């Protein structure tokens, strides 16, 4: 079966158009997926920060302690806990290990905050 030059041109145009539409659609799907993930992460961060700010305000109001950790410490802890809560790989067998990692991170952040506070107190006022 031989095709005429007109049929070849039409067939080539059709295949080219379908190929371009397929590639364009594929690119659109990938870009949409990336944008959706980015939007979900942004929303997640926003919710964590708002909830943590409210918790920090509440603790600041009811605490009788003169020293409360900075908001950043609470945000880091809350973000890691939320990540754990949303982690689909969490099982009863591995949750203790994951919690210990989060608590270890929180301890490091708190120790660093305390060290910076001690350093700031020891610095003479005129050395700023």
Protein backbone atom coordinates (compact mmCIF):
# COMPACT_ATOMS: atom_id res chain seq x y z
CA UNK A 1 0.00 0.00 0.00
CA UNK A 2 1.51 3.27 -1.11
CA UNK A 3 0.46 6.65 0.21
CA UNK A 4 0.20 9.70 -1.93
CA UNK A 5 2.20 12.79 -1.03
CA UNK A 6 -0.97 14.46 0.27
CA UNK A 7 -1.76 11.49 2.51
CA UNK A 8 1.81 11.46 3.82
CA UNK A 9 1.60 15.19 4.57
CA UNK A 10 -1.73 14.78 6.38
CA UNK A 11 -0.47 11.74 8.31
CA UNK A 12 2.74 13.58 9.26
CA UNK A 13 0.79 16.61 10.42
CA UNK A 14 -1.56 14.44 12.45
CA UNK A 15 1.25 12.52 14.12
CA UNK A 16 3.19 15.73 14.80
CA UNK A 17 0.14 17.43 16.30
CA UNK A 18 -0.69 14.43 18.49
CA UNK A 19 2.93 14.15 19.60
CA UNK A 20 3.10 17.83 20.47
CA UNK A 21 -0.21 17.62 22.34
CA UNK A 22 1.02 14.57 24.28
CA UNK A 23 4.32 16.20 25.21
CA UNK A 24 2.56 19.47 26.11
CA UNK A 25 0.04 17.59 28.25
CA UNK A 26 2.80 15.65 29.98
CA UNK A 27 4.70 18.85 30.77
CA UNK A 28 1.49 20.43 32.12
CA UNK A 29 0.88 17.42 34.39
CA UNK A 30 4.43 17.57 35.77
CA UNK A 31 4.27 21.33 36.37
CA UNK A 32 0.86 21.00 38.04
CA UNK A 33 2.17 18.22 40.30
CA UNK A 34 5.21 20.29 41.31
CA UNK A 35 3.07 23.36 42.01
CA UNK A 36 0.61 21.32 44.06
CA UNK A 37 3.38 19.83 46.21
CA UNK A 38 4.91 23.26 46.71
CA UNK A 39 1.53 24.71 47.71
CA UNK A 40 0.92 21.83 50.14
CA UNK A 41 4.33 22.39 51.78
CA UNK A 42 3.70 26.13 52.04
CA UNK A 43 0.28 25.53 53.59
CA UNK A 44 1.77 22.96 55.99
CA UNK A 45 4.42 25.44 57.16
CA UNK A 46 1.80 28.17 57.55
CA UNK A 47 -0.49 25.98 59.68
CA UNK A 48 2.40 24.75 61.84
CA UNK A 49 3.64 28.28 62.49
CA UNK A 50 0.17 29.64 63.32
CA UNK A 51 -0.62 26.75 65.68
CA UNK A 52 2.79 26.98 67.31
CA UNK A 53 2.47 30.73 67.78
CA UNK A 54 -0.85 30.25 69.56
CA UNK A 55 0.65 27.52 71.78
CA UNK A 56 3.68 29.70 72.56
CA UNK A 57 1.45 32.67 73.45
CA UNK A 58 -0.64 30.46 75.73
CA UNK A 59 2.43 29.03 77.47
CA UNK A 60 3.89 32.53 77.85
CA UNK A 61 0.69 33.76 79.48
CA UNK A 62 0.24 30.92 81.96
CA UNK A 63 3.89 30.23 82.77
CA UNK A 64 5.32 31.46 86.03
CA UNK A 65 8.84 30.87 84.72
CA UNK A 66 10.81 34.00 83.83
CA UNK A 67 12.56 32.25 80.96
CA UNK A 68 10.62 30.68 78.12
CA UNK A 69 12.28 29.21 75.07
CA UNK A 70 12.06 31.31 71.92
CA UNK A 71 9.28 30.70 69.43
CA UNK A 72 11.76 29.16 66.98
CA UNK A 73 12.32 26.22 69.34
CA UNK A 74 8.59 25.54 69.45
CA UNK A 75 8.27 25.84 65.67
CA UNK A 76 11.05 23.33 65.03
CA UNK A 77 9.53 20.84 67.47
CA UNK A 78 6.00 21.30 66.14
CA UNK A 79 7.13 20.93 62.52
CA UNK A 80 8.96 17.69 63.25
CA UNK A 81 5.99 16.32 65.22
CA UNK A 82 3.63 17.18 62.36
CA UNK A 83 5.96 15.49 59.88
CA UNK A 84 5.86 12.41 62.09
CA UNK A 85 2.07 12.53 62.33
CA UNK A 86 1.77 12.69 58.54
CA UNK A 87 4.47 10.08 57.86
CA UNK A 88 2.86 7.06 56.21
CA UNK A 89 5.82 4.87 57.16
CA UNK A 90 5.19 5.19 60.91
CA UNK A 91 4.41 1.89 62.57
CA UNK A 92 4.08 0.80 66.20
CA UNK A 93 7.49 -0.82 65.76
CA UNK A 94 9.37 2.31 64.64
CA UNK A 95 7.54 5.20 66.30
CA UNK A 96 9.67 5.16 69.46
CA UNK A 97 12.84 5.47 67.40
CA UNK A 98 11.36 8.35 65.38
CA UNK A 99 10.18 10.12 68.57
CA UNK A 100 13.64 9.71 70.14
CA UNK A 101 15.16 11.36 67.07
CA UNK A 102 12.75 14.29 67.39
CA UNK A 103 13.42 14.63 71.13
CA UNK A 104 17.16 14.49 70.47
CA UNK A 105 16.82 17.28 67.92
CA UNK A 106 14.73 19.33 70.36
CA UNK A 107 17.40 18.83 73.06
CA UNK A 108 20.10 20.08 70.70
CA UNK A 109 18.05 23.15 69.77
CA UNK A 110 17.28 23.90 73.43
CA UNK A 111 20.93 23.45 74.49
CA UNK A 112 22.04 25.78 71.71
CA UNK A 113 19.48 28.38 72.78
CA UNK A 114 20.62 28.19 76.41
CA UNK A 115 24.28 28.45 75.38
CA UNK A 116 23.54 31.56 73.30
CA UNK A 117 21.61 33.08 76.21
CA UNK A 118 24.49 32.41 78.63
CA UNK A 119 26.95 33.92 76.15
CA UNK A 120 24.78 37.02 75.76
CA UNK A 121 24.56 37.48 79.54
CA UNK A 122 28.34 37.17 79.94
CA UNK A 123 29.09 39.72 77.20
CA UNK A 124 29.78 43.22 78.56
CA UNK A 125 27.25 45.86 77.52
CA UNK A 126 29.80 48.05 75.72
CA UNK A 127 31.08 45.21 73.46
CA UNK A 128 28.11 45.27 71.15
